[in-house]
Amino acid sequence: MQLGKEMIEELGLSSAEYRITSLAYSREIFRGERPQLFALAECGLSRPQLATRLESLPVARREFDSYEFVDFGSSAEGLNHEAAMNHALIAEYLSLG
């Protein structure tokens, strides 16, 4: 599964450390109608443990300049379009919204 490969490469997780639940698929006009997948990714690591994994990735392999953890009890205000959509889908899936 491509999402699993991304979890391993971009977060430094092993395949036994995460679970992915697909939430939605779309073709977004503003992305040239390229496919967009939305998913809930869960892992048992704490925020500090996950932060350590992210910071230990070789800089040349990182696909991020910075990151932040977002609580789902908070507003999606200020998130980019993709992150806000994923936030809404996860909240609906978890019956928080």
PDB file of N, CA and C in Angstrom:
ATOM      1  N   MET A   1       0.847  -1.172   0.000  1.00  0.00           N
ATOM      2  CA  MET A   1       0.000   0.000   0.000  1.00  0.00           C
ATOM      3  C   MET A   1       0.896   1.240   0.000  1.00  0.00           C
ATOM      4  N   GLN A   2       0.590   2.169  -0.879  1.00  0.00           N
ATOM      5  CA  GLN A   2       1.393   3.377  -1.011  1.00  0.00           C
ATOM      6  C   GLN A   2       1.395   4.216   0.274  1.00  0.00           C
ATOM      7  N   LEU A   3       0.251   4.326   0.938  1.00  0.00           N
ATOM      8  CA  LEU A   3       0.212   5.103   2.180  1.00  0.00           C
ATOM      9  C   LEU A   3       1.147   4.514   3.229  1.00  0.00           C
ATOM     10  N   GLY A   4       1.206   3.193   3.301  1.00  0.00           N
ATOM     11  CA  GLY A   4       2.106   2.533   4.241  1.00  0.00           C
ATOM     12  C   GLY A   4       3.558   2.847   3.935  1.00  0.00           C
ATOM     13  N   LYS A   5       3.887   2.854   2.657  1.00  0.00           N
ATOM     14  CA  LYS A   5       5.247   3.189   2.247  1.00  0.00           C
ATOM     15  C   LYS A   5       5.598   4.614   2.677  1.00  0.00           C
ATOM     16  N   GLU A   6       4.623   5.520   2.545  1.00  0.00           N
ATOM     17  CA  GLU A   6       4.845   6.905   2.954  1.00  0.00           C
ATOM     18  C   GLU A   6       5.068   7.005   4.463  1.00  0.00           C
ATOM     19  N   MET A   7       4.331   6.231   5.239  1.00  0.00           N
ATOM     20  CA  MET A   7       4.497   6.239   6.700  1.00  0.00           C
ATOM     21  C   MET A   7       5.918   5.811   7.080  1.00  0.00           C
ATOM     22  N   ILE A   8       6.411   4.800   6.398  1.00  0.00           N
ATOM     23  CA  ILE A   8       7.752   4.284   6.683  1.00  0.00           C
ATOM     24  C   ILE A   8       8.810   5.304   6.276  1.00  0.00           C
ATOM     25  N   GLU A   9       8.683   5.842   5.055  1.00  0.00           N
ATOM     26  CA  GLU A   9       9.692   6.770   4.538  1.00  0.00           C
ATOM     27  C   GLU A   9       9.651   8.138   5.213  1.00  0.00           C
ATOM     28  N   GLU A  10       8.454   8.686   5.397  1.00  0.00           N
ATOM     29  CA  GLU A  10       8.345  10.070   5.852  1.00  0.00           C
ATOM     30  C   GLU A  10       8.294  10.233   7.366  1.00  0.00           C
ATOM     31  N   LEU A  11       7.909   9.165   8.083  1.00  0.00           N
ATOM     32  CA  LEU A  11       7.827   9.271   9.536  1.00  0.00           C
ATOM     33  C   LEU A  11       8.822   8.382  10.262  1.00  0.00           C
ATOM     34  N   GLY A  12       9.490   7.513   9.528  1.00  0.00           N
ATOM     35  CA  GLY A  12      10.464   6.633  10.156  1.00  0.00           C
ATOM     36  C   GLY A  12       9.840   5.527  10.986  1.00  0.00           C
ATOM     37  N   LEU A  13       8.603   5.162  10.659  1.00  0.00           N
ATOM     38  CA  LEU A  13       7.913   4.104  11.397  1.00  0.00           C
ATOM     39  C   LEU A  13       8.131   2.756  10.726  1.00  0.00           C
ATOM     40  N   SER A  14       8.026   1.694  11.491  1.00  0.00           N
ATOM     41  CA  SER A  14       8.040   0.354  10.905  1.00  0.00           C
ATOM     42  C   SER A  14       6.596  -0.026  10.598  1.00  0.00           C
ATOM     43  N   SER A  15       6.399  -1.025   9.766  1.00  0.00           N
ATOM     44  CA  SER A  15       5.045  -1.414   9.376  1.00  0.00           C
ATOM     45  C   SER A  15       4.209  -1.908  10.558  1.00  0.00           C
ATOM     46  N   ALA A  16       4.844  -2.333  11.638  1.00  0.00           N
ATOM     47  CA  ALA A  16       4.118  -2.802  12.815  1.00  0.00           C
ATOM     48  C   ALA A  16       3.715  -1.659  13.754  1.00  0.00           C
ATOM     49  N   GLU A  17       4.149  -0.432  13.460  1.00  0.00           N
ATOM     50  CA  GLU A  17       3.920   0.684  14.381  1.00  0.00           C
ATOM     51  C   GLU A  17       2.765   1.600  13.992  1.00  0.00           C
ATOM     52  N   TYR A  18       2.060   1.315  12.932  1.00  0.00           N
ATOM     53  CA  TYR A  18       0.983   2.196  12.516  1.00  0.00           C
ATOM     54  C   TYR A  18      -0.190   1.404  11.954  1.00  0.00           C
ATOM     55  N   ARG A  19      -1.322   2.082  11.900  1.00  0.00           N
ATOM     56  CA  ARG A  19      -2.527   1.539  11.285  1.00  0.00           C
ATOM     57  C   ARG A  19      -3.155   2.662  10.477  1.00  0.00           C
ATOM     58  N   ILE A  20      -3.566   2.373   9.251  1.00  0.00           N
ATOM     59  CA  ILE A  20      -4.161   3.375   8.372  1.00  0.00           C
ATOM     60  C   ILE A  20      -5.609   3.005   8.098  1.00  0.00           C
ATOM     61  N   THR A  21      -6.494   3.986   8.235  1.00  0.00           N
ATOM     62  CA  THR A  21      -7.896   3.828   7.876  1.00  0.00           C
ATOM     63  C   THR A  21      -8.193   4.823   6.763  1.00  0.00           C
ATOM     64  N   SER A  22      -8.539   4.327   5.588  1.00  0.00           N
ATOM     65  CA  SER A  22      -8.886   5.208   4.468  1.00  0.00           C
ATOM     66  C   SER A  22     -10.202   5.905   4.772  1.00  0.00           C
ATOM     67  N   LEU A  23     -10.260   7.204   4.506  1.00  0.00           N
ATOM     68  CA  LEU A  23     -11.457   7.988   4.786  1.00  0.00           C
ATOM     69  C   LEU A  23     -12.151   8.490   3.530  1.00  0.00           C
ATOM     70  N   ALA A  24     -11.381   8.908   2.536  1.00  0.00           N
ATOM     71  CA  ALA A  24     -11.999   9.473   1.335  1.00  0.00           C
ATOM     72  C   ALA A  24     -10.988   9.509   0.191  1.00  0.00           C
ATOM     73  N   TYR A  25     -11.541   9.609  -1.001  1.00  0.00           N
ATOM     74  CA  TYR A  25     -10.764   9.735  -2.232  1.00  0.00           C
ATOM     75  C   TYR A  25     -11.442  10.828  -3.044  1.00  0.00           C
ATOM     76  N   SER A  26     -10.652  11.674  -3.652  1.00  0.00           N
ATOM     77  CA  SER A  26     -11.236  12.717  -4.499  1.00  0.00           C
ATOM     78  C   SER A  26     -10.275  13.064  -5.625  1.00  0.00           C
ATOM     79  N   ARG A  27     -10.790  13.792  -6.567  1.00  0.00           N
ATOM     80  CA  ARG A  27      -9.974  14.406  -7.610  1.00  0.00           C
ATOM     81  C   ARG A  27     -10.229  15.902  -7.466  1.00  0.00           C
ATOM     82  N   GLU A  28      -9.242  16.591  -6.968  1.00  0.00           N
ATOM     83  CA  GLU A  28      -9.429  18.003  -6.670  1.00  0.00           C
ATOM     84  C   GLU A  28      -9.065  18.871  -7.879  1.00  0.00           C
ATOM     85  N   ILE A  29      -9.992  19.732  -8.231  1.00  0.00           N
ATOM     86  CA  ILE A  29      -9.816  20.587  -9.397  1.00  0.00           C
ATOM     87  C   ILE A  29      -8.561  21.447  -9.269  1.00  0.00           C
ATOM     88  N   PHE A  30      -8.343  22.034  -8.080  1.00  0.00           N
ATOM     89  CA  PHE A  30      -7.197  22.937  -7.925  1.00  0.00           C
ATOM     90  C   PHE A  30      -5.867  22.191  -7.926  1.00  0.00           C
ATOM     91  N   ARG A  31      -5.887  20.870  -7.892  1.00  0.00           N
ATOM     92  CA  ARG A  31      -4.657  20.071  -7.986  1.00  0.00           C
ATOM     93  C   ARG A  31      -4.556  19.436  -9.373  1.00  0.00           C
ATOM     94  N   GLY A  32      -5.238  20.000 -10.369  1.00  0.00           N
ATOM     95  CA  GLY A  32      -5.187  19.447 -11.715  1.00  0.00           C
ATOM     96  C   GLY A  32      -5.919  18.114 -11.810  1.00  0.00           C
ATOM     97  N   GLU A  33      -6.887  17.918 -10.945  1.00  0.00           N
ATOM     98  CA  GLU A  33      -7.686  16.694 -10.860  1.00  0.00           C
ATOM     99  C   GLU A  33      -6.851  15.449 -10.567  1.00  0.00           C
ATOM    100  N   ARG A  34      -5.687  15.674  -9.965  1.00  0.00           N
ATOM    101  CA  ARG A  34      -4.892  14.521  -9.512  1.00  0.00           C
ATOM    102  C   ARG A  34      -5.602  13.877  -8.337  1.00  0.00           C
ATOM    103  N   PRO A  35      -5.428  12.586  -8.143  1.00  0.00           N
ATOM    104  CA  PRO A  35      -6.080  11.922  -7.016  1.00  0.00           C
ATOM    105  C   PRO A  35      -5.557  12.440  -5.680  1.00  0.00           C
ATOM    106  N   GLN A  36      -6.468  12.533  -4.742  1.00  0.00           N
ATOM    107  CA  GLN A  36      -6.120  12.934  -3.381  1.00  0.00           C
ATOM    108  C   GLN A  36      -6.726  11.911  -2.433  1.00  0.00           C
ATOM    109  N   LEU A  37      -5.900  11.330  -1.576  1.00  0.00           N
ATOM    110  CA  LEU A  37      -6.372  10.375  -0.583  1.00  0.00           C
ATOM    111  C   LEU A  37      -6.378  11.031   0.782  1.00  0.00           C
ATOM    112  N   PHE A  38      -7.412  10.747   1.551  1.00  0.00           N
ATOM    113  CA  PHE A  38      -7.508  11.233   2.917  1.00  0.00           C
ATOM    114  C   PHE A  38      -7.596  10.015   3.821  1.00  0.00           C
ATOM    115  N   ALA A  39      -6.829  10.029   4.905  1.00  0.00           N
ATOM    116  CA  ALA A  39      -6.775   8.848   5.773  1.00  0.00           C
ATOM    117  C   ALA A  39      -6.498   9.245   7.214  1.00  0.00           C
ATOM    118  N   LEU A  40      -6.869   8.343   8.099  1.00  0.00           N
ATOM    119  CA  LEU A  40      -6.514   8.443   9.511  1.00  0.00           C
ATOM    120  C   LEU A  40      -5.344   7.499   9.726  1.00  0.00           C
ATOM    121  N   ALA A  41      -4.235   8.031  10.187  1.00  0.00           N
ATOM    122  CA  ALA A  41      -3.051   7.209  10.485  1.00  0.00           C
ATOM    123  C   ALA A  41      -2.856   7.218  11.992  1.00  0.00           C
ATOM    124  N   GLU A  42      -2.817   6.040  12.573  1.00  0.00           N
ATOM    125  CA  GLU A  42      -2.668   5.918  14.019  1.00  0.00           C
ATOM    126  C   GLU A  42      -1.394   5.152  14.346  1.00  0.00           C
ATOM    127  N   CYS A  43      -0.710   5.593  15.388  1.00  0.00           N
ATOM    128  CA  CYS A  43       0.441   4.841  15.872  1.00  0.00           C
ATOM    129  C   CYS A  43       0.469   4.956  17.389  1.00  0.00           C
ATOM    130  N   GLY A  44       1.144   4.032  18.018  1.00  0.00           N
ATOM    131  CA  GLY A  44       1.178   3.987  19.473  1.00  0.00           C
ATOM    132  C   GLY A  44       2.269   4.835  20.105  1.00  0.00           C
ATOM    133  N   LEU A  45       3.012   5.563  19.295  1.00  0.00           N
ATOM    134  CA  LEU A  45       4.085   6.390  19.851  1.00  0.00           C
ATOM    135  C   LEU A  45       3.516   7.659  20.473  1.00  0.00           C
ATOM    136  N   SER A  46       4.162   8.135  21.516  1.00  0.00           N
ATOM    137  CA  SER A  46       3.781   9.411  22.115  1.00  0.00           C
ATOM    138  C   SER A  46       4.281  10.547  21.210  1.00  0.00           C
ATOM    139  N   ARG A  47       3.804  11.755  21.476  1.00  0.00           N
ATOM    140  CA  ARG A  47       4.284  12.902  20.688  1.00  0.00           C
ATOM    141  C   ARG A  47       5.805  13.054  20.789  1.00  0.00           C
ATOM    142  N   PRO A  48       6.384  12.984  21.985  1.00  0.00           N
ATOM    143  CA  PRO A  48       7.847  13.105  22.056  1.00  0.00           C
ATOM    144  C   PRO A  48       8.569  11.987  21.299  1.00  0.00           C
ATOM    145  N   GLN A  49       8.040  10.765  21.355  1.00  0.00           N
ATOM    146  CA  GLN A  49       8.661   9.664  20.624  1.00  0.00           C
ATOM    147  C   GLN A  49       8.576   9.889  19.118  1.00  0.00           C
ATOM    148  N   LEU A  50       7.409  10.329  18.653  1.00  0.00           N
ATOM    149  CA  LEU A  50       7.257  10.592  17.220  1.00  0.00           C
ATOM    150  C   LEU A  50       8.136  11.765  16.794  1.00  0.00           C
ATOM    151  N   ALA A  51       8.216  12.800  17.616  1.00  0.00           N
ATOM    152  CA  ALA A  51       9.079  13.940  17.313  1.00  0.00           C
ATOM    153  C   ALA A  51      10.533  13.490  17.194  1.00  0.00           C
ATOM    154  N   THR A  52      10.957  12.606  18.072  1.00  0.00           N
ATOM    155  CA  THR A  52      12.328  12.082  18.009  1.00  0.00           C
ATOM    156  C   THR A  52      12.550  11.349  16.695  1.00  0.00           C
ATOM    157  N   ARG A  53      11.572  10.548  16.260  1.00  0.00           N
ATOM    158  CA  ARG A  53      11.681   9.843  14.974  1.00  0.00           C
ATOM    159  C   ARG A  53      11.815  10.830  13.827  1.00  0.00           C
ATOM    160  N   LEU A  54      10.958  11.851  13.827  1.00  0.00           N
ATOM    161  CA  LEU A  54      10.993  12.837  12.747  1.00  0.00           C
ATOM    162  C   LEU A  54      12.333  13.561  12.698  1.00  0.00           C
ATOM    163  N   GLU A  55      12.820  13.949  13.851  1.00  0.00           N
ATOM    164  CA  GLU A  55      14.075  14.691  13.921  1.00  0.00           C
ATOM    165  C   GLU A  55      15.288  13.820  13.617  1.00  0.00           C
ATOM    166  N   SER A  56      15.132  12.501  13.738  1.00  0.00           N
ATOM    167  CA  SER A  56      16.259  11.616  13.451  1.00  0.00           C
ATOM    168  C   SER A  56      16.357  11.221  11.975  1.00  0.00           C
ATOM    169  N   LEU A  57      15.333  11.576  11.183  1.00  0.00           N
ATOM    170  CA  LEU A  57      15.404  11.280   9.750  1.00  0.00           C
ATOM    171  C   LEU A  57      16.523  12.111   9.122  1.00  0.00           C
ATOM    172  N   PRO A  58      17.286  11.527   8.221  1.00  0.00           N
ATOM    173  CA  PRO A  58      18.323  12.310   7.545  1.00  0.00           C
ATOM    174  C   PRO A  58      17.706  13.517   6.834  1.00  0.00           C
ATOM    175  N   VAL A  59      18.315  14.671   6.959  1.00  0.00           N
ATOM    176  CA  VAL A  59      17.783  15.899   6.373  1.00  0.00           C
ATOM    177  C   VAL A  59      17.520  15.729   4.880  1.00  0.00           C
ATOM    178  N   ALA A  60      18.375  15.030   4.190  1.00  0.00           N
ATOM    179  CA  ALA A  60      18.206  14.831   2.744  1.00  0.00           C
ATOM    180  C   ALA A  60      16.943  14.029   2.420  1.00  0.00           C
ATOM    181  N   ARG A  61      16.449  13.220   3.350  1.00  0.00           N
ATOM    182  CA  ARG A  61      15.249  12.404   3.128  1.00  0.00           C
ATOM    183  C   ARG A  61      13.965  13.086   3.573  1.00  0.00           C
ATOM    184  N   ARG A  62      14.078  14.146   4.357  1.00  0.00           N
ATOM    185  CA  ARG A  62      12.889  14.797   4.915  1.00  0.00           C
ATOM    186  C   ARG A  62      12.077  15.489   3.833  1.00  0.00           C
ATOM    187  N   GLU A  63      10.774  15.334   3.919  1.00  0.00           N
ATOM    188  CA  GLU A  63       9.872  16.036   3.016  1.00  0.00           C
ATOM    189  C   GLU A  63       9.175  17.174   3.747  1.00  0.00           C
ATOM    190  N   PHE A  64       9.785  17.664   4.813  1.00  0.00           N
ATOM    191  CA  PHE A  64       9.206  18.737   5.614  1.00  0.00           C
ATOM    192  C   PHE A  64      10.313  19.637   6.124  1.00  0.00           C
ATOM    193  N   ASP A  65       9.964  20.891   6.324  1.00  0.00           N
ATOM    194  CA  ASP A  65      10.873  21.844   6.956  1.00  0.00           C
ATOM    195  C   ASP A  65      10.556  21.969   8.438  1.00  0.00           C
ATOM    196  N   SER A  66       9.276  21.797   8.762  1.00  0.00           N
ATOM    197  CA  SER A  66       8.827  21.873  10.145  1.00  0.00           C
ATOM    198  C   SER A  66       7.547  21.051  10.266  1.00  0.00           C
ATOM    199  N   TYR A  67       7.112  20.831  11.479  1.00  0.00           N
ATOM    200  CA  TYR A  67       5.879  20.095  11.729  1.00  0.00           C
ATOM    201  C   TYR A  67       5.290  20.576  13.038  1.00  0.00           C
ATOM    202  N   GLU A  68       4.022  20.294  13.220  1.00  0.00           N
ATOM    203  CA  GLU A  68       3.381  20.558  14.502  1.00  0.00           C
ATOM    204  C   GLU A  68       2.298  19.515  14.723  1.00  0.00           C
ATOM    205  N   PHE A  69       2.015  19.232  15.953  1.00  0.00           N
ATOM    206  CA  PHE A  69       0.957  18.299  16.305  1.00  0.00           C
ATOM    207  C   PHE A  69      -0.325  19.095  16.505  1.00  0.00           C
ATOM    208  N   VAL A  70      -1.421  18.613  15.940  1.00  0.00           N
ATOM    209  CA  VAL A  70      -2.699  19.310  16.005  1.00  0.00           C
ATOM    210  C   VAL A  70      -3.663  18.473  16.826  1.00  0.00           C
ATOM    211  N   ASP A  71      -4.249  19.083  17.852  1.00  0.00           N
ATOM    212  CA  ASP A  71      -5.270  18.410  18.648  1.00  0.00           C
ATOM    213  C   ASP A  71      -6.591  18.465  17.891  1.00  0.00           C
ATOM    214  N   PHE A  72      -7.326  17.366  17.878  1.00  0.00           N
ATOM    215  CA  PHE A  72      -8.580  17.348  17.142  1.00  0.00           C
ATOM    216  C   PHE A  72      -9.697  18.083  17.858  1.00  0.00           C
ATOM    217  N   GLY A  73      -9.484  18.465  19.099  1.00  0.00           N
ATOM    218  CA  GLY A  73     -10.461  19.295  19.778  1.00  0.00           C
ATOM    219  C   GLY A  73     -10.350  20.749  19.349  1.00  0.00           C
ATOM    220  N   SER A  74      -9.278  21.077  18.655  1.00  0.00           N
ATOM    221  CA  SER A  74      -9.048  22.460  18.241  1.00  0.00           C
ATOM    222  C   SER A  74      -9.650  22.704  16.859  1.00  0.00           C
ATOM    223  N   SER A  75      -9.718  23.948  16.492  1.00  0.00           N
ATOM    224  CA  SER A  75     -10.243  24.357  15.195  1.00  0.00           C
ATOM    225  C   SER A  75      -9.246  24.022  14.088  1.00  0.00           C
ATOM    226  N   ALA A  76      -9.766  23.845  12.887  1.00  0.00           N
ATOM    227  CA  ALA A  76      -8.911  23.613  11.724  1.00  0.00           C
ATOM    228  C   ALA A  76      -8.467  24.933  11.106  1.00  0.00           C
ATOM    229  N   GLU A  77      -8.835  26.037  11.733  1.00  0.00           N
ATOM    230  CA  GLU A  77      -8.472  27.355  11.219  1.00  0.00           C
ATOM    231  C   GLU A  77      -6.955  27.477  11.122  1.00  0.00           C
ATOM    232  N   GLY A  78      -6.487  27.993  10.017  1.00  0.00           N
ATOM    233  CA  GLY A  78      -5.056  28.177   9.814  1.00  0.00           C
ATOM    234  C   GLY A  78      -4.379  27.008   9.116  1.00  0.00           C
ATOM    235  N   LEU A  79      -5.070  25.877   8.993  1.00  0.00           N
ATOM    236  CA  LEU A  79      -4.497  24.739   8.277  1.00  0.00           C
ATOM    237  C   LEU A  79      -4.667  24.942   6.776  1.00  0.00           C
ATOM    238  N   ASN A  80      -3.753  24.372   5.988  1.00  0.00           N
ATOM    239  CA  ASN A  80      -3.940  24.454   4.541  1.00  0.00           C
ATOM    240  C   ASN A  80      -5.156  23.614   4.147  1.00  0.00           C
ATOM    241  N   HIS A  81      -5.590  23.728   2.893  1.00  0.00           N
ATOM    242  CA  HIS A  81      -6.822  23.082   2.439  1.00  0.00           C
ATOM    243  C   HIS A  81      -6.807  21.572   2.683  1.00  0.00           C
ATOM    244  N   GLU A  82      -5.739  20.912   2.298  1.00  0.00           N
ATOM    245  CA  GLU A  82      -5.668  19.457   2.464  1.00  0.00           C
ATOM    246  C   GLU A  82      -5.727  19.057   3.931  1.00  0.00           C
ATOM    247  N   ALA A  83      -4.981  19.748   4.772  1.00  0.00           N
ATOM    248  CA  ALA A  83      -4.974  19.432   6.201  1.00  0.00           C
ATOM    249  C   ALA A  83      -6.344  19.705   6.821  1.00  0.00           C
ATOM    250  N   ALA A  84      -6.998  20.795   6.427  1.00  0.00           N
ATOM    251  CA  ALA A  84      -8.324  21.112   6.953  1.00  0.00           C
ATOM    252  C   ALA A  84      -9.345  20.058   6.536  1.00  0.00           C
ATOM    253  N   MET A  85      -9.270  19.585   5.297  1.00  0.00           N
ATOM    254  CA  MET A  85     -10.181  18.539   4.837  1.00  0.00           C
ATOM    255  C   MET A  85      -9.936  17.246   5.602  1.00  0.00           C
ATOM    256  N   ASN A  86      -8.681  16.886   5.789  1.00  0.00           N
ATOM    257  CA  ASN A  86      -8.374  15.661   6.529  1.00  0.00           C
ATOM    258  C   ASN A  86      -8.850  15.794   7.977  1.00  0.00           C
ATOM    259  N   HIS A  87      -8.642  16.963   8.576  1.00  0.00           N
ATOM    260  CA  HIS A  87      -9.099  17.232   9.945  1.00  0.00           C
ATOM    261  C   HIS A  87     -10.605  17.006  10.048  1.00  0.00           C
ATOM    262  N   ALA A  88     -11.380  17.553   9.094  1.00  0.00           N
ATOM    263  CA  ALA A  88     -12.835  17.410   9.112  1.00  0.00           C
ATOM    264  C   ALA A  88     -13.253  15.948   8.936  1.00  0.00           C
ATOM    265  N   LEU A  89     -12.601  15.242   8.032  1.00  0.00           N
ATOM    266  CA  LEU A  89     -12.934  13.831   7.798  1.00  0.00           C
ATOM    267  C   LEU A  89     -12.606  12.969   9.017  1.00  0.00           C
ATOM    268  N   ILE A  90     -11.473  13.228   9.642  1.00  0.00           N
ATOM    269  CA  ILE A  90     -11.102  12.458  10.839  1.00  0.00           C
ATOM    270  C   ILE A  90     -12.079  12.774  11.975  1.00  0.00           C
ATOM    271  N   ALA A  91     -12.420  14.047  12.148  1.00  0.00           N
ATOM    272  CA  ALA A  91     -13.377  14.410  13.201  1.00  0.00           C
ATOM    273  C   ALA A  91     -14.707  13.701  12.960  1.00  0.00           C
ATOM    274  N   GLU A  92     -15.163  13.677  11.719  1.00  0.00           N
ATOM    275  CA  GLU A  92     -16.420  12.980  11.414  1.00  0.00           C
ATOM    276  C   GLU A  92     -16.284  11.483  11.693  1.00  0.00           C
ATOM    277  N   TYR A  93     -15.184  10.896  11.259  1.00  0.00           N
ATOM    278  CA  TYR A  93     -14.951   9.467  11.476  1.00  0.00           C
ATOM    279  C   TYR A  93     -14.944   9.132  12.965  1.00  0.00           C
ATOM    280  N   LEU A  94     -14.316   9.966  13.742  1.00  0.00           N
ATOM    281  CA  LEU A  94     -14.230   9.743  15.189  1.00  0.00           C
ATOM    282  C   LEU A  94     -15.455  10.268  15.949  1.00  0.00           C
ATOM    283  N   SER A  95     -16.429  10.789  15.196  1.00  0.00           N
ATOM    284  CA  SER A  95     -17.666  11.355  15.762  1.00  0.00           C
ATOM    285  C   SER A  95     -17.383  12.505  16.710  1.00  0.00           C
ATOM    286  N   LEU A  96     -16.390  13.316  16.351  1.00  0.00           N
ATOM    287  CA  LEU A  96     -16.076  14.482  17.158  1.00  0.00           C
ATOM    288  C   LEU A  96     -16.720  15.747  16.601  1.00  0.00           C
ATOM    289  N   GLY A  97     -17.086  15.708  15.338  1.00  0.00           N
ATOM    290  CA  GLY A  97     -17.589  16.917  14.678  1.00  0.00           C
ATOM    291  C   GLY A  97     -19.068  16.928  14.472  1.00  0.00           C
TER     292      GLY A  97
END
